Amino acid sequence: MAELSKPIRQLAAVGLLISALGATFTLLVAPGWNYLSGARAQIEAGRILLRRLQDTAGRRAELAELKRAADALPAEALTLKGDTEAIQLAGLQALVGELASAQGVRVTSARPLPAMERDGLRLVGLRFDVRADLEIVQLLVHRLETLEPLLVVQGLQIRSSAVPGFPAEQRDGALDAAISIYGAQPPPSNKG
């Protein structure tokens, strides 16, 4: 067998050394590196979860205060007035009509919505079609949600009232909006 020249033997030794280092990295260092990366990711996820839990714990006192305030409110402040659904809906329609006219909003129609059950409460509602500027519609929705009795705006659809082909300088900028509002019926009384 012929002896290899010195540069080829050095090249072979360097190649063998590189192969040995590559195998060592693949077998020992890479799994350790991957393990550390995974551990770091788990630690960061744990920190995020811990912050969320601490935030939740901090809000517990705030939630308890809100619950005490809600429990202190009389049921009349939270529910629609009237003995029958028809009277409750008429009262709701009058309430919204008064509020809308005070805001300069024109109610174009009102119709009842199907009643629904939520968290043991029976909710009845109306859908109002109104015509007003966007800012006025926003103010109306805000006022509806802050009234007594407690009302819930379940849906809001806004569309432009502009008629195609109508000159832009003659448009009034008003929008047509449909607002679905629900209120809770009083719990049935246990008379008898």
Protein backbone atom coordinates (compact mmCIF):
# COMPACT_ATOMS: atom_id res chain seq x y z
CA MET A 1 0.00 0.00 0.00
CA ALA A 2 1.31 3.34 -0.97
CA GLU A 3 1.88 5.87 1.63
CA LEU A 4 -0.22 9.07 1.42
CA SER A 5 1.46 12.39 1.12
CA LYS A 6 1.60 14.67 4.11
CA PRO A 7 -0.99 17.26 2.78
CA ILE A 8 -3.50 14.48 2.10
CA ARG A 9 -2.97 13.00 5.56
CA GLN A 10 -3.48 16.46 7.11
CA LEU A 11 -6.60 16.98 5.01
CA ALA A 12 -7.91 13.57 6.08
CA ALA A 13 -7.17 14.38 9.74
CA VAL A 14 -8.98 17.72 9.48
CA GLY A 15 -11.92 15.98 7.77
CA LEU A 16 -12.00 13.33 10.48
CA LEU A 17 -11.85 16.02 13.16
CA ILE A 18 -14.71 17.96 11.50
CA SER A 19 -16.76 14.75 11.27
CA ALA A 20 -16.09 13.97 14.93
CA LEU A 21 -17.10 17.52 15.95
CA GLY A 22 -20.22 17.32 13.79
CA ALA A 23 -21.20 13.97 15.33
CA THR A 24 -20.55 15.33 18.84
CA PHE A 25 -22.69 18.40 18.10
CA THR A 26 -25.48 16.27 16.59
CA LEU A 27 -25.48 13.72 19.40
CA LEU A 28 -24.78 15.89 22.43
CA VAL A 29 -25.01 19.63 21.87
CA ALA A 30 -28.07 19.89 19.55
CA PRO A 31 -30.44 17.93 21.84
CA GLY A 32 -29.27 19.97 24.82
CA TRP A 33 -29.73 23.19 22.88
CA ASN A 34 -33.23 22.13 21.80
CA TYR A 35 -34.07 21.19 25.39
CA LEU A 36 -32.93 24.60 26.65
CA SER A 37 -34.90 26.40 23.92
CA GLY A 38 -38.03 24.43 24.82
CA ALA A 39 -37.48 25.11 28.52
CA ARG A 40 -37.11 28.85 27.83
CA ALA A 41 -40.37 28.82 25.83
CA GLN A 42 -42.16 27.00 28.66
CA ILE A 43 -40.81 29.47 31.23
CA GLU A 44 -42.01 32.42 29.11
CA ALA A 45 -45.45 30.82 28.69
CA GLY A 46 -45.54 30.28 32.46
CA ARG A 47 -44.68 33.93 33.06
CA ILE A 48 -47.47 35.06 30.75
CA LEU A 49 -49.94 32.77 32.51
CA LEU A 50 -48.76 34.02 35.90
CA ARG A 51 -49.33 37.66 34.83
CA ARG A 52 -52.83 36.78 33.64
CA LEU A 53 -53.63 35.01 36.90
CA GLN A 54 -52.29 37.94 38.91
CA ASP A 55 -54.43 40.34 36.83
CA THR A 56 -57.46 38.13 37.42
CA ALA A 57 -56.77 38.03 41.14
CA GLY A 58 -56.46 41.81 41.16
CA ARG A 59 -59.80 42.14 39.42
CA ARG A 60 -61.52 39.84 41.88
CA ALA A 61 -61.90 42.66 44.41
CA GLU A 62 -63.24 44.95 41.68
CA LEU A 63 -65.68 42.25 40.57
CA ALA A 64 -66.84 41.69 44.14
CA GLU A 65 -67.50 45.43 44.51
CA LEU A 66 -69.49 45.49 41.26
CA LYS A 67 -71.49 42.45 42.40
CA ARG A 68 -72.29 44.15 45.72
CA ALA A 69 -73.42 47.27 43.86
CA ALA A 70 -75.58 45.19 41.49
CA ASP A 71 -77.10 43.25 44.38
CA ALA A 72 -77.94 46.52 46.12
CA LEU A 73 -79.96 47.74 43.12
CA PRO A 74 -83.66 47.08 43.39
CA ALA A 75 -85.09 44.70 40.77
CA GLU A 76 -87.24 47.55 39.45
CA ALA A 77 -84.08 49.37 38.33
CA LEU A 78 -83.01 46.38 36.24
CA THR A 79 -86.26 45.17 34.70
CA LEU A 80 -88.97 46.58 32.47
CA LYS A 81 -92.07 47.93 34.15
CA GLY A 82 -95.50 46.42 33.59
CA ASP A 83 -97.45 43.27 34.33
CA THR A 84 -97.68 41.95 30.78
CA GLU A 85 -95.25 41.70 27.90
CA ALA A 86 -97.38 44.08 25.83
CA ILE A 87 -97.24 46.75 28.55
CA GLN A 88 -93.48 46.23 28.96
CA LEU A 89 -92.89 46.59 25.21
CA ALA A 90 -95.10 49.70 25.06
CA GLY A 91 -93.12 51.22 27.94
CA LEU A 92 -89.86 50.34 26.20
CA GLN A 93 -91.10 51.91 22.96
CA ALA A 94 -92.14 55.08 24.78
CA LEU A 95 -88.83 55.26 26.64
CA VAL A 96 -86.77 54.89 23.47
CA GLY A 97 -89.03 57.28 21.56
CA GLU A 98 -88.59 59.99 24.19
CA LEU A 99 -84.84 59.50 24.32
CA ALA A 100 -84.56 59.53 20.52
CA SER A 101 -86.60 62.69 20.12
CA ALA A 102 -84.54 64.39 22.84
CA GLN A 103 -81.45 63.58 20.75
CA GLY A 104 -83.04 64.83 17.53
CA VAL A 105 -83.36 61.32 16.12
CA ARG A 106 -86.33 60.40 14.00
CA VAL A 107 -87.67 56.90 14.72
CA THR A 108 -89.06 55.63 11.41
CA SER A 109 -90.44 52.33 12.74
CA ALA A 110 -90.50 49.99 15.71
CA ARG A 111 -91.37 46.30 15.82
CA PRO A 112 -91.17 43.59 18.46
CA LEU A 113 -88.37 41.01 18.46
CA PRO A 114 -88.70 37.39 19.54
CA ALA A 115 -88.21 36.97 23.29
CA MET A 116 -85.13 35.06 24.45
CA GLU A 117 -83.83 33.42 27.61
CA ARG A 118 -80.42 34.40 29.03
CA ASP A 119 -79.03 33.34 32.39
CA GLY A 120 -82.46 32.60 33.81
CA LEU A 121 -83.95 35.91 32.61
CA ARG A 122 -86.55 36.36 29.93
CA LEU A 123 -85.63 39.23 27.64
CA VAL A 124 -88.11 41.01 25.39
CA GLY A 125 -87.13 43.52 22.80
CA LEU A 126 -87.87 45.88 19.97
CA ARG A 127 -86.12 46.80 16.78
CA PHE A 128 -86.07 50.51 16.04
CA ASP A 129 -85.29 52.00 12.66
CA VAL A 130 -83.89 55.50 13.01
CA ARG A 131 -82.42 58.17 10.78
CA ALA A 132 -79.61 60.38 12.13
CA ASP A 133 -75.96 61.35 11.82
CA LEU A 134 -73.39 58.79 12.99
CA GLU A 135 -72.42 60.79 16.08
CA ILE A 136 -76.06 61.05 17.14
CA VAL A 137 -76.59 57.29 16.61
CA GLN A 138 -73.52 56.60 18.77
CA LEU A 139 -74.83 58.93 21.49
CA LEU A 140 -78.27 57.30 21.34
CA VAL A 141 -76.80 53.79 21.69
CA HIS A 142 -74.66 54.93 24.62
CA ARG A 143 -77.64 56.53 26.36
CA LEU A 144 -79.74 53.39 25.80
CA GLU A 145 -77.11 51.22 27.45
CA THR A 146 -76.83 53.51 30.49
CA LEU A 147 -80.54 53.90 31.20
CA GLU A 148 -82.61 52.44 33.98
CA PRO A 149 -84.11 49.93 33.50
CA LEU A 150 -81.09 48.10 32.21
CA LEU A 151 -81.29 47.72 28.43
CA VAL A 152 -79.04 45.71 26.15
CA VAL A 153 -78.33 46.77 22.58
CA GLN A 154 -78.25 43.36 20.91
CA GLY A 155 -77.66 44.54 17.37
CA LEU A 156 -76.90 47.63 15.35
CA GLN A 157 -76.98 47.86 11.58
CA ILE A 158 -76.01 51.10 9.89
CA ARG A 159 -76.37 51.88 6.22
CA SER A 160 -76.03 55.01 4.15
CA SER A 161 -79.25 56.75 3.31
CA ALA A 162 -77.76 58.26 0.17
CA VAL A 163 -79.72 57.56 -2.97
CA PRO A 164 -77.58 56.74 -6.02
CA GLY A 165 -77.65 59.58 -8.51
CA PHE A 166 -78.77 62.11 -5.89
CA PRO A 167 -76.51 65.21 -6.00
CA ALA A 168 -73.90 65.11 -3.22
CA GLU A 169 -74.54 68.72 -2.17
CA GLN A 170 -78.20 67.88 -1.46
CA ARG A 171 -77.49 64.84 0.74
CA ASP A 172 -78.03 65.45 4.43
CA GLY A 173 -75.34 63.04 5.72
CA ALA A 174 -77.89 61.09 7.76
CA LEU A 175 -77.68 57.35 8.11
CA ASP A 176 -80.38 54.73 8.43
CA ALA A 177 -79.79 52.55 11.47
CA ALA A 178 -81.61 49.53 12.89
CA ILE A 179 -81.13 49.13 16.65
CA SER A 180 -82.25 45.94 18.42
CA ILE A 181 -82.84 46.54 22.13
CA TYR A 182 -83.73 44.04 24.84
CA GLY A 183 -84.84 44.49 28.42
CA ALA A 184 -85.41 41.93 31.17
CA GLN A 185 -88.88 41.07 32.32
CA PRO A 186 -89.47 41.11 36.07
CA PRO A 187 -89.24 37.65 37.63
CA PRO A 188 -92.63 35.98 38.09
CA SER A 189 -94.05 36.68 41.51
CA ASN A 190 -94.94 33.70 43.69
CA LYS A 191 -98.40 34.75 44.79
CA GLY A 192 -100.79 32.22 46.03
